[in-house]
């Protein structure tokens, strides 16, 4: 916690570096009911924690569905974009990107009418999942191998206020808590020469409005065009609450949000407000700036301490639906910061680590490492598992000489096991030698961040579930002398 002395010292520093824009206080921000300095700072802190996932989601949505020149643009709203390839170091919009299941994306605008997602029959041996994640970053539903099976089907996604009958042929209805929402598809890739088969599956993913699905004229007027504010990493630093303001208009307040929204309104933040950081008087800039800084510190601390420590790994079940978070805004922010759009633990569980089994920071510029799975103790899954390497600073995939970003269970036939049946992976910056390259996971020339993914983890022993409490535990990363 910041002490009053720390806060005032920080305030003095912030005052020296604050923008020099002429204060033009907005009416909503200078009303007589505005709380005092420390209370306003606390509200800004809570608001940052509450709003971080919402603003992060808006930033990804802007790059993927709004800004055609972003370099990451996928497709306009209500149009699917299939990626018949896996993510590489060139993909930078999302931290800790998944590189073993080619993605498809559709950003849905649910304001005018529901959207129908149709999936083809998929080989039961090939895992696939359609994750429905709304603007609050709640995983509000899944279609796919684990939840709905491998048969073809039509599924309807509706907005928070939709009322209407479910038409014949719809297998299930999913309700988003926000008017703008994401469907993220993951389709398992068995090997590099499997991409043509992936394309065939992806060609069967269909997205259409309800009226188009019913082959009827649209019964409601098209939604108005949205004037999205430009967002990037630099703008977020000063305009964070402007973006939160904007995003909240598409997110009707749920019961457990009313208190935080009422508090934010007292400092001029919320749907219909016109919060503008650069026009605030200096003292209010300090309130907001210090609150954001302390909120960010708490989120970063939460990421570092998420879940349970097991052999140097952190094993947690952070992502989930609205009931899973139950108004715990810090838990939701930590989930987004650790890896936005992470699956709920029953769909995929993600042990992660930045340290070896002795608690020392993983660093490819200083050490080589091994990770050994004892005989019969590979990650227990119904689908498949993977271990992905990231840059420890950026949480992005790293360029490497063999274009290998992960090792996963489909690669096992090409890997070497020891005489006792154990599997050792070599985690290092330079090649471990031609005889060991099949088991080599190239590391950056610096800090390392490792993420294990267990897709459709087994629910009976041995199992990683419940996360951190299961009977299977990931083995520690060993430093090689």
Protein backbone atom coordinates (compact mmCIF):
# COMPACT_ATOMS: atom_id res chain seq x y z
CA UNK A 1 0.00 0.00 0.00
CA UNK A 2 1.12 3.56 -0.65
CA UNK A 3 1.67 5.54 2.54
CA UNK A 4 0.57 9.16 2.61
CA UNK A 5 4.22 10.24 2.43
CA UNK A 6 4.83 7.99 -0.62
CA UNK A 7 1.71 9.34 -2.24
CA UNK A 8 2.65 12.97 -1.72
CA UNK A 9 6.20 12.33 -2.91
CA UNK A 10 4.78 10.65 -6.03
CA UNK A 11 2.33 13.52 -6.42
CA UNK A 12 5.17 16.03 -6.38
CA UNK A 13 7.02 14.03 -9.02
CA UNK A 14 3.88 13.68 -11.14
CA UNK A 15 3.23 17.40 -10.83
CA UNK A 16 6.66 18.13 -12.29
CA UNK A 17 6.01 15.84 -15.27
CA UNK A 18 2.28 16.42 -15.78
CA UNK A 19 1.04 17.76 -19.08
CA UNK A 20 0.92 21.53 -19.27
CA UNK A 21 -2.39 21.72 -21.07
CA UNK A 22 -4.48 24.62 -19.83
CA UNK A 23 -7.02 23.27 -17.30
CA UNK A 24 -10.54 23.39 -18.71
CA UNK A 25 -12.52 21.48 -16.09
CA UNK A 26 -15.47 19.58 -17.50
CA UNK A 27 -18.70 20.18 -15.62
CA UNK A 28 -19.13 16.51 -14.69
CA UNK A 29 -15.67 16.47 -13.17
CA UNK A 30 -15.86 19.52 -10.97
CA UNK A 31 -19.26 19.17 -9.37
CA UNK A 32 -19.59 19.90 -5.68
CA UNK A 33 -20.08 16.20 -5.02
CA UNK A 34 -16.59 15.22 -6.19
CA UNK A 35 -14.74 13.28 -3.48
CA UNK A 36 -11.53 14.57 -1.90
CA UNK A 37 -8.03 13.84 -3.19
CA UNK A 38 -7.35 10.51 -1.47
CA UNK A 39 -10.84 9.14 -2.01
CA UNK A 40 -10.72 10.12 -5.70
CA UNK A 41 -7.31 8.47 -6.01
CA UNK A 42 -8.75 5.26 -4.50
CA UNK A 43 -11.68 5.36 -6.93
CA UNK A 44 -9.30 5.82 -9.88
CA UNK A 45 -7.27 2.88 -8.62
CA UNK A 46 -10.34 0.65 -8.31
CA UNK A 47 -11.57 1.93 -11.66
CA UNK A 48 -8.30 1.04 -13.36
CA UNK A 49 -8.44 -2.51 -11.98
CA UNK A 50 -12.12 -2.84 -12.94
CA UNK A 51 -11.59 -1.33 -16.39
CA UNK A 52 -8.28 -2.88 -17.45
CA UNK A 53 -9.76 -6.01 -19.11
CA UNK A 54 -12.46 -3.90 -20.79
CA UNK A 55 -9.92 -1.45 -22.23
CA UNK A 56 -7.51 -4.24 -23.23
CA UNK A 57 -10.35 -5.96 -25.07
CA UNK A 58 -11.30 -2.71 -26.79
CA UNK A 59 -7.69 -2.26 -27.94
CA UNK A 60 -7.59 -5.75 -29.50
CA UNK A 61 -11.02 -5.27 -31.08
CA UNK A 62 -9.86 -1.96 -32.57
CA UNK A 63 -6.81 -3.59 -34.17
CA UNK A 64 -8.70 -6.69 -35.35
CA UNK A 65 -12.08 -5.33 -36.49
CA UNK A 66 -11.93 -1.52 -36.82
CA UNK A 67 -8.58 -0.17 -38.02
CA UNK A 68 -7.89 -1.63 -41.46
CA UNK A 69 -4.38 -0.18 -41.34
CA UNK A 70 -3.41 -1.62 -37.95
CA UNK A 71 -1.29 -4.39 -39.41
CA UNK A 72 -3.35 -6.84 -37.29
CA UNK A 73 -6.74 -6.28 -38.98
CA UNK A 74 -8.78 -9.47 -39.45
CA UNK A 75 -12.27 -8.63 -40.73
CA UNK A 76 -15.18 -6.20 -40.16
CA UNK A 77 -17.85 -7.02 -37.57
CA UNK A 78 -19.95 -10.15 -38.21
CA UNK A 79 -17.48 -11.54 -40.74
CA UNK A 80 -15.25 -14.49 -39.91
CA UNK A 81 -11.53 -14.41 -40.56
CA UNK A 82 -9.78 -17.76 -40.77
CA UNK A 83 -6.05 -17.92 -40.12
CA UNK A 84 -4.82 -21.11 -41.87
CA UNK A 85 -1.51 -20.79 -40.05
CA UNK A 86 -0.27 -20.51 -36.50
CA UNK A 87 0.87 -17.37 -34.71
CA UNK A 88 4.55 -16.42 -34.94
CA UNK A 89 6.83 -13.70 -33.57
CA UNK A 90 5.24 -11.34 -36.13
CA UNK A 91 1.89 -11.42 -34.28
CA UNK A 92 1.96 -8.76 -31.58
CA UNK A 93 -1.65 -7.71 -30.83
CA UNK A 94 -2.20 -10.33 -28.11
CA UNK A 95 0.25 -11.27 -25.36
CA UNK A 96 1.08 -14.98 -24.86
CA UNK A 97 -0.46 -15.94 -28.23
CA UNK A 98 -1.32 -19.58 -28.80
CA UNK A 99 0.77 -21.10 -31.59
CA UNK A 100 -0.59 -24.66 -31.77
CA UNK A 101 -4.22 -24.19 -32.81
CA UNK A 102 -4.79 -21.99 -35.88
CA UNK A 103 -7.33 -19.31 -35.03
CA UNK A 104 -10.48 -18.02 -36.62
CA UNK A 105 -12.06 -14.81 -35.35
CA UNK A 106 -15.38 -13.06 -35.62
CA UNK A 107 -16.17 -9.88 -33.75
CA UNK A 108 -19.94 -9.77 -33.35
CA UNK A 109 -22.11 -6.65 -33.27
CA UNK A 110 -25.22 -7.89 -31.47
CA UNK A 111 -27.04 -4.55 -31.23
CA UNK A 112 -29.50 -5.06 -34.11
CA UNK A 113 -30.06 -8.82 -34.02
CA UNK A 114 -28.49 -12.12 -32.93
CA UNK A 115 -25.69 -13.84 -34.81
CA UNK A 116 -25.80 -17.53 -35.78
CA UNK A 117 -22.54 -19.48 -35.70
CA UNK A 118 -22.59 -22.72 -37.70
CA UNK A 119 -19.90 -25.38 -37.35
CA UNK A 120 -19.25 -28.41 -39.55
CA UNK A 121 -18.75 -32.00 -38.47
CA UNK A 122 -15.16 -32.29 -37.24
CA UNK A 123 -13.11 -35.48 -36.89
CA UNK A 124 -13.47 -36.48 -33.21
CA UNK A 125 -9.67 -36.93 -33.06
CA UNK A 126 -9.18 -33.25 -33.92
CA UNK A 127 -9.82 -30.93 -30.99
CA UNK A 128 -11.62 -27.68 -31.75
CA UNK A 129 -13.29 -25.05 -29.61
CA UNK A 130 -15.24 -21.87 -30.22
CA UNK A 131 -14.73 -19.62 -27.20
CA UNK A 132 -17.35 -16.91 -26.68
CA UNK A 133 -15.80 -13.97 -24.82
CA UNK A 134 -17.61 -10.66 -24.37
CA UNK A 135 -16.42 -7.10 -23.79
CA UNK A 136 -16.18 -7.78 -20.04
CA UNK A 137 -13.78 -10.65 -20.92
CA UNK A 138 -16.26 -13.21 -19.57
CA UNK A 139 -16.10 -16.64 -21.21
CA UNK A 140 -19.86 -17.01 -21.47
CA UNK A 141 -19.97 -20.19 -23.54
CA UNK A 142 -18.22 -22.79 -25.66
CA UNK A 143 -19.00 -24.75 -28.79
CA UNK A 144 -16.64 -27.60 -29.63
CA UNK A 145 -15.22 -31.03 -28.95
CA UNK A 146 -15.52 -30.89 -25.16
CA UNK A 147 -18.88 -29.14 -24.81
CA UNK A 148 -21.06 -29.84 -27.84
CA UNK A 149 -19.25 -32.73 -29.54
CA UNK A 150 -17.94 -33.17 -33.06
CA UNK A 151 -21.23 -33.05 -34.98
CA UNK A 152 -22.32 -30.15 -37.19
CA UNK A 153 -24.62 -27.59 -35.58
CA UNK A 154 -26.07 -24.08 -35.51
CA UNK A 155 -25.71 -21.91 -32.39
CA UNK A 156 -27.17 -18.48 -31.70
CA UNK A 157 -25.42 -15.64 -29.86
CA UNK A 158 -27.63 -12.86 -28.50
CA UNK A 159 -26.95 -9.48 -26.93
CA UNK A 160 -27.66 -8.54 -23.31
CA UNK A 161 -31.13 -7.12 -24.01
CA UNK A 162 -32.38 -9.49 -26.71
CA UNK A 163 -35.85 -10.95 -26.30
CA UNK A 164 -37.25 -13.39 -28.80
CA UNK A 165 -38.02 -16.97 -29.66
CA UNK A 166 -35.38 -19.54 -30.49
CA UNK A 167 -35.95 -20.67 -34.07
CA UNK A 168 -36.03 -24.37 -35.01
CA UNK A 169 -32.62 -25.80 -35.83
CA UNK A 170 -30.72 -23.79 -33.22
CA UNK A 171 -28.99 -26.21 -30.82
CA UNK A 172 -28.21 -23.67 -28.10
CA UNK A 173 -28.47 -19.95 -27.32
CA UNK A 174 -25.59 -18.03 -25.71
CA UNK A 175 -26.09 -14.58 -24.17
CA UNK A 176 -23.30 -12.00 -24.18
CA UNK A 177 -23.22 -9.43 -21.36
CA UNK A 178 -22.08 -6.79 -23.90
CA UNK A 179 -23.34 -5.70 -27.31
CA UNK A 180 -19.95 -6.26 -28.95
CA UNK A 181 -18.45 -9.70 -28.46
CA UNK A 182 -15.79 -12.07 -29.73
CA UNK A 183 -15.94 -15.65 -30.95
CA UNK A 184 -12.45 -17.12 -31.03
CA UNK A 185 -12.04 -20.47 -32.79
CA UNK A 186 -9.15 -22.85 -32.10
CA UNK A 187 -8.65 -25.80 -34.46
CA UNK A 188 -5.97 -28.35 -33.62
CA UNK A 189 -3.04 -28.64 -36.04
CA UNK A 190 -1.39 -32.07 -36.01
CA UNK A 191 1.71 -31.10 -37.99
CA UNK A 192 2.90 -28.50 -40.53
CA UNK A 193 1.65 -30.69 -43.42
CA UNK A 194 -1.83 -30.75 -41.82
CA UNK A 195 -2.65 -27.17 -42.85
CA UNK A 196 -4.77 -28.15 -45.87
CA UNK A 197 -7.01 -30.17 -43.56
CA UNK A 198 -7.27 -27.18 -41.22
CA UNK A 199 -8.44 -25.05 -44.16
CA UNK A 200 -11.21 -27.55 -44.92
CA UNK A 201 -12.47 -27.41 -41.34
CA UNK A 202 -12.28 -23.62 -41.26
CA UNK A 203 -14.21 -23.39 -44.55
CA UNK A 204 -17.12 -25.00 -42.69
CA UNK A 205 -17.30 -22.26 -40.05
CA UNK A 206 -20.21 -20.00 -41.05
CA UNK A 207 -21.36 -16.70 -39.51
CA UNK A 208 -24.60 -14.91 -40.37
CA UNK A 209 -27.24 -12.68 -38.85
CA UNK A 210 -30.38 -14.36 -37.58
CA UNK A 211 -32.47 -12.90 -40.41
CA UNK A 212 -30.01 -14.22 -43.01
CA UNK A 213 -30.04 -17.64 -41.32
CA UNK A 214 -33.85 -17.66 -41.50
CA UNK A 215 -33.69 -16.34 -45.09
CA UNK A 216 -35.97 -13.50 -44.12
CA UNK A 217 -35.67 -9.72 -44.49
CA UNK A 218 -34.16 -8.06 -41.43
CA UNK A 219 -37.03 -7.13 -39.13
CA UNK A 220 -35.10 -4.40 -37.32
CA UNK A 221 -33.19 -1.43 -38.59
CA UNK A 222 -29.43 -1.83 -38.93
CA UNK A 223 -27.42 -0.65 -35.95
CA UNK A 224 -25.95 2.84 -36.21
CA UNK A 225 -22.34 3.16 -37.30
CA UNK A 226 -19.99 3.45 -34.32
CA UNK A 227 -17.37 6.21 -34.29
CA UNK A 228 -14.56 4.30 -32.57
CA UNK A 229 -11.81 6.41 -30.96
CA UNK A 230 -8.31 5.51 -32.08
CA UNK A 231 -6.46 3.51 -29.45
CA UNK A 232 -2.86 2.39 -29.12
CA UNK A 233 -0.44 1.61 -26.31
CA UNK A 234 0.69 5.22 -25.95
CA UNK A 235 -2.84 6.65 -25.87
CA UNK A 236 -3.87 4.15 -23.20
CA UNK A 237 -1.31 5.63 -20.80
CA UNK A 238 -3.12 8.98 -20.63
CA UNK A 239 -6.55 8.27 -22.13
CA UNK A 240 -7.34 5.06 -20.25
CA UNK A 241 -10.57 6.30 -18.70
CA UNK A 242 -11.76 7.90 -21.96
CA UNK A 243 -11.59 4.45 -23.53
CA UNK A 244 -13.36 2.89 -20.55
CA UNK A 245 -16.06 5.57 -20.87
CA UNK A 246 -16.53 4.64 -24.51
CA UNK A 247 -16.59 0.87 -24.00
CA UNK A 248 -19.08 0.95 -21.12
CA UNK A 249 -21.86 2.27 -23.36
CA UNK A 250 -21.99 -1.20 -24.94
CA UNK A 251 -22.03 -2.98 -21.57
CA UNK A 252 -25.23 -2.61 -19.52
CA UNK A 253 -24.37 -2.66 -15.82
CA UNK A 254 -24.81 -6.03 -14.15
CA UNK A 255 -25.95 -6.13 -10.55
CA UNK A 256 -22.44 -6.62 -9.16
CA UNK A 257 -21.11 -3.66 -11.19
CA UNK A 258 -23.50 -1.00 -9.94
CA UNK A 259 -21.37 0.01 -6.94
CA UNK A 260 -18.09 0.49 -8.86
CA UNK A 261 -19.91 2.29 -11.66
CA UNK A 262 -21.55 4.67 -9.17
CA UNK A 263 -18.15 5.43 -7.64
CA UNK A 264 -16.60 6.09 -11.04
CA UNK A 265 -19.43 8.47 -11.88
CA UNK A 266 -18.39 10.68 -8.93
CA UNK A 267 -15.11 11.42 -10.72
CA UNK A 268 -16.74 11.84 -14.11
CA UNK A 269 -16.29 8.35 -15.57
CA UNK A 270 -19.02 6.20 -17.09
CA UNK A 271 -21.42 5.81 -20.03
CA UNK A 272 -22.54 9.20 -21.25
CA UNK A 273 -19.72 11.02 -19.44
CA UNK A 274 -17.09 13.04 -21.27
CA UNK A 275 -13.97 12.31 -19.25
CA UNK A 276 -10.92 13.99 -20.75
CA UNK A 277 -7.66 13.61 -18.87
CA UNK A 278 -5.77 16.43 -20.55
CA UNK A 279 -8.46 18.95 -19.60
CA UNK A 280 -8.42 18.08 -15.89
CA UNK A 281 -7.02 20.49 -13.30
CA UNK A 282 -3.59 19.44 -12.05
CA UNK A 283 -4.84 18.03 -8.74
CA UNK A 284 -7.36 15.80 -10.52
CA UNK A 285 -4.65 14.62 -12.92
CA UNK A 286 -2.63 13.59 -9.89
CA UNK A 287 -5.60 11.73 -8.38
CA UNK A 288 -6.18 9.78 -11.56
CA UNK A 289 -2.51 9.21 -12.42
CA UNK A 290 -1.57 7.97 -8.97
CA UNK A 291 -4.65 5.76 -8.78
CA UNK A 292 -3.80 4.16 -12.13
CA UNK A 293 -0.19 3.60 -11.08
CA UNK A 294 -1.18 1.88 -7.85
CA UNK A 295 -3.84 -0.16 -9.67
CA UNK A 296 -1.28 -1.32 -12.20
CA UNK A 297 1.12 -2.30 -9.42
CA UNK A 298 -1.57 -4.45 -7.79
CA UNK A 299 -2.43 -6.15 -11.09
CA UNK A 300 1.24 -6.91 -11.82
CA UNK A 301 1.65 -8.26 -8.31
CA UNK A 302 -1.45 -10.38 -8.81
CA UNK A 303 -0.08 -11.83 -12.05
CA UNK A 304 3.21 -12.73 -10.35
CA UNK A 305 1.39 -14.46 -7.48
CA UNK A 306 -1.57 -15.98 -9.34
CA UNK A 307 -2.61 -19.48 -8.39
CA UNK A 308 -0.47 -21.95 -6.51
CA UNK A 309 3.31 -22.36 -6.77
CA UNK A 310 4.18 -25.92 -7.83
CA UNK A 311 7.79 -26.81 -8.71
CA UNK A 312 8.38 -23.23 -9.84
CA UNK A 313 5.20 -23.11 -11.96
CA UNK A 314 2.14 -21.04 -11.15
CA UNK A 315 -0.98 -23.15 -11.63
CA UNK A 316 -4.23 -21.24 -11.56
CA UNK A 317 -7.71 -21.20 -13.01
CA UNK A 318 -8.00 -17.47 -13.64
CA UNK A 319 -10.36 -17.07 -16.64
CA UNK A 320 -14.06 -17.85 -16.50
CA UNK A 321 -17.57 -16.50 -16.78
CA UNK A 322 -19.27 -13.75 -14.79
CA UNK A 323 -20.19 -16.10 -11.93
CA UNK A 324 -16.58 -17.32 -11.77
CA UNK A 325 -15.28 -13.79 -11.07
CA UNK A 326 -18.29 -12.81 -8.94
CA UNK A 327 -17.29 -9.15 -8.86
CA UNK A 328 -13.63 -9.83 -8.04
CA UNK A 329 -12.28 -7.17 -10.41
CA UNK A 330 -8.65 -7.80 -9.47
CA UNK A 331 -8.96 -11.47 -10.39
CA UNK A 332 -10.47 -10.49 -13.74
CA UNK A 333 -7.72 -7.92 -14.39
CA UNK A 334 -5.01 -10.42 -13.49
CA UNK A 335 -6.54 -12.97 -15.88
CA UNK A 336 -6.49 -10.43 -18.72
CA UNK A 337 -2.96 -9.22 -17.99
CA UNK A 338 -1.64 -12.78 -17.72
CA UNK A 339 -3.14 -13.60 -21.14
CA UNK A 340 -6.34 -12.02 -22.39
CA UNK A 341 -8.85 -14.49 -23.89
CA UNK A 342 -7.47 -17.37 -21.86
CA UNK A 343 -9.72 -20.39 -21.72
CA UNK A 344 -11.70 -21.38 -18.66
CA UNK A 345 -9.73 -24.10 -16.78
CA UNK A 346 -12.05 -26.95 -17.74
CA UNK A 347 -11.41 -26.12 -21.43
CA UNK A 348 -7.68 -25.53 -21.02
CA UNK A 349 -5.41 -25.04 -18.02
CA UNK A 350 -2.20 -23.02 -18.30
CA UNK A 351 0.70 -23.62 -15.89
CA UNK A 352 3.24 -20.83 -16.39
CA UNK A 353 6.67 -19.96 -15.08
CA UNK A 354 9.48 -17.43 -15.19
CA UNK A 355 11.68 -19.32 -12.71
CA UNK A 356 13.54 -22.61 -12.45
CA UNK A 357 12.96 -25.23 -9.76
CA UNK A 358 15.41 -23.37 -7.47
CA UNK A 359 13.46 -20.11 -7.77
CA UNK A 360 16.02 -18.41 -10.02
CA UNK A 361 14.78 -16.28 -12.95
CA UNK A 362 14.86 -18.16 -16.26
CA UNK A 363 17.35 -16.43 -18.59
CA UNK A 364 18.53 -17.86 -21.91
CA UNK A 365 21.53 -15.51 -22.00
CA UNK A 366 22.93 -17.01 -18.81
CA UNK A 367 21.84 -20.65 -18.57
CA UNK A 368 20.62 -23.75 -20.35
CA UNK A 369 17.69 -25.70 -18.88
CA UNK A 370 15.95 -29.05 -19.09
CA UNK A 371 12.38 -30.12 -18.38
CA UNK A 372 11.89 -33.84 -17.80
CA UNK A 373 8.57 -35.68 -17.69
CA UNK A 374 9.06 -38.97 -15.81
CA UNK A 375 7.78 -42.19 -17.43
CA UNK A 376 3.99 -42.22 -17.67
CA UNK A 377 3.70 -38.67 -16.32
CA UNK A 378 3.07 -36.55 -19.41
CA UNK A 379 0.35 -33.90 -18.93
CA UNK A 380 -2.99 -35.76 -18.56
CA UNK A 381 -5.40 -34.51 -21.23
CA UNK A 382 -8.37 -35.67 -23.29
CA UNK A 383 -7.21 -33.55 -26.25
CA UNK A 384 -3.52 -32.53 -26.34
CA UNK A 385 -0.88 -30.52 -24.47
CA UNK A 386 1.86 -28.05 -25.42
CA UNK A 387 4.75 -26.06 -23.96
CA UNK A 388 5.27 -22.62 -25.56
CA UNK A 389 8.29 -20.32 -25.29
CA UNK A 390 7.90 -16.53 -24.95
CA UNK A 391 10.17 -13.57 -24.48
CA UNK A 392 10.20 -12.87 -20.74
CA UNK A 393 9.78 -9.11 -21.22
CA UNK A 394 7.15 -8.84 -23.97
CA UNK A 395 5.31 -12.18 -23.50
CA UNK A 396 5.48 -12.54 -27.30
CA UNK A 397 6.80 -15.42 -29.41
CA UNK A 398 10.48 -15.15 -30.33
CA UNK A 399 12.24 -15.47 -33.67
CA UNK A 400 14.51 -18.52 -33.72
CA UNK A 401 16.61 -20.49 -36.26
CA UNK A 402 14.27 -23.51 -36.50
CA UNK A 403 10.95 -21.59 -36.39
CA UNK A 404 9.83 -23.65 -33.40
CA UNK A 405 7.78 -21.79 -30.82
CA UNK A 406 6.48 -24.77 -28.89
CA UNK A 407 6.66 -28.49 -28.31
CA UNK A 408 3.36 -30.36 -28.18
CA UNK A 409 2.03 -33.89 -27.87
CA UNK A 410 1.44 -34.39 -31.64
CA UNK A 411 5.23 -33.95 -32.01
CA UNK A 412 6.00 -36.85 -29.62
CA UNK A 413 6.55 -39.52 -32.32
CA UNK A 414 9.46 -37.46 -33.70
CA UNK A 415 11.04 -36.87 -30.29
CA UNK A 416 13.57 -38.94 -28.39
CA UNK A 417 12.80 -40.55 -25.04
CA UNK A 418 15.24 -41.98 -22.53
CA UNK A 419 15.66 -45.71 -21.98
CA UNK A 420 13.36 -45.51 -18.96
CA UNK A 421 10.63 -43.86 -21.03
CA UNK A 422 11.10 -40.33 -19.65
CA UNK A 423 10.99 -37.31 -21.97
CA UNK A 424 13.55 -34.51 -21.57
CA UNK A 425 13.14 -31.16 -23.32
CA UNK A 426 16.14 -28.88 -23.88
CA UNK A 427 15.33 -25.24 -23.19
CA UNK A 428 18.20 -23.01 -24.33
CA UNK A 429 19.23 -20.23 -26.70
CA UNK A 430 21.72 -22.24 -28.80
CA UNK A 431 21.24 -25.68 -30.30
CA UNK A 432 21.89 -28.56 -27.85
CA UNK A 433 23.48 -30.50 -30.76
CA UNK A 434 22.04 -32.32 -33.76
CA UNK A 435 21.30 -35.46 -31.71
CA UNK A 436 19.07 -33.48 -29.32
CA UNK A 437 17.47 -30.92 -31.65
CA UNK A 438 14.24 -32.96 -31.92
CA UNK A 439 13.68 -32.13 -28.23
CA UNK A 440 14.94 -28.52 -28.38
CA UNK A 441 12.70 -25.58 -27.49
CA UNK A 442 14.66 -22.46 -28.57
CA UNK A 443 14.87 -19.76 -25.89
CA UNK A 444 15.47 -16.01 -26.19
CA UNK A 445 18.87 -14.49 -25.46
CA UNK A 446 17.44 -13.06 -22.26
CA UNK A 447 14.51 -13.58 -19.84
CA UNK A 448 12.25 -16.59 -20.52
CA UNK A 449 8.52 -17.03 -20.00
CA UNK A 450 7.11 -20.55 -20.40
CA UNK A 451 3.43 -21.50 -20.69
CA UNK A 452 2.11 -25.06 -20.67
CA UNK A 453 -1.34 -25.66 -22.16
CA UNK A 454 -3.48 -28.66 -21.25
CA UNK A 455 -6.45 -28.78 -23.65
CA UNK A 456 -9.51 -30.52 -22.25
CA UNK A 457 -7.60 -31.68 -19.17
CA UNK A 458 -8.66 -35.00 -17.72
CA UNK A 459 -11.17 -34.66 -14.90
CA UNK A 460 -10.29 -37.96 -13.19
CA UNK A 461 -6.97 -38.75 -11.49
CA UNK A 462 -4.29 -38.07 -12.54
CA UNK A 463 -5.57 -34.57 -13.28
CA UNK A 464 -4.41 -30.98 -12.99
CA UNK A 465 -7.97 -30.06 -11.94
CA UNK A 466 -8.95 -28.31 -9.75
CA UNK A 467 -6.11 -25.98 -10.84
CA UNK A 468 -3.31 -26.10 -8.28
CA UNK A 469 -5.03 -28.83 -6.26
CA UNK A 470 -5.01 -31.72 -8.73
CA UNK A 471 -3.11 -35.00 -8.44
CA UNK A 472 -0.85 -34.23 -11.46
CA UNK A 473 1.82 -31.57 -11.07
CA UNK A 474 4.14 -30.07 -13.70
CA UNK A 475 7.81 -30.98 -13.15
CA UNK A 476 10.30 -28.21 -12.40
CA UNK A 477 12.62 -26.60 -14.95
CA UNK A 478 16.20 -27.58 -14.07
CA UNK A 479 19.23 -25.37 -14.60
CA UNK A 480 22.04 -27.19 -16.40
CA UNK A 481 25.45 -26.66 -14.81
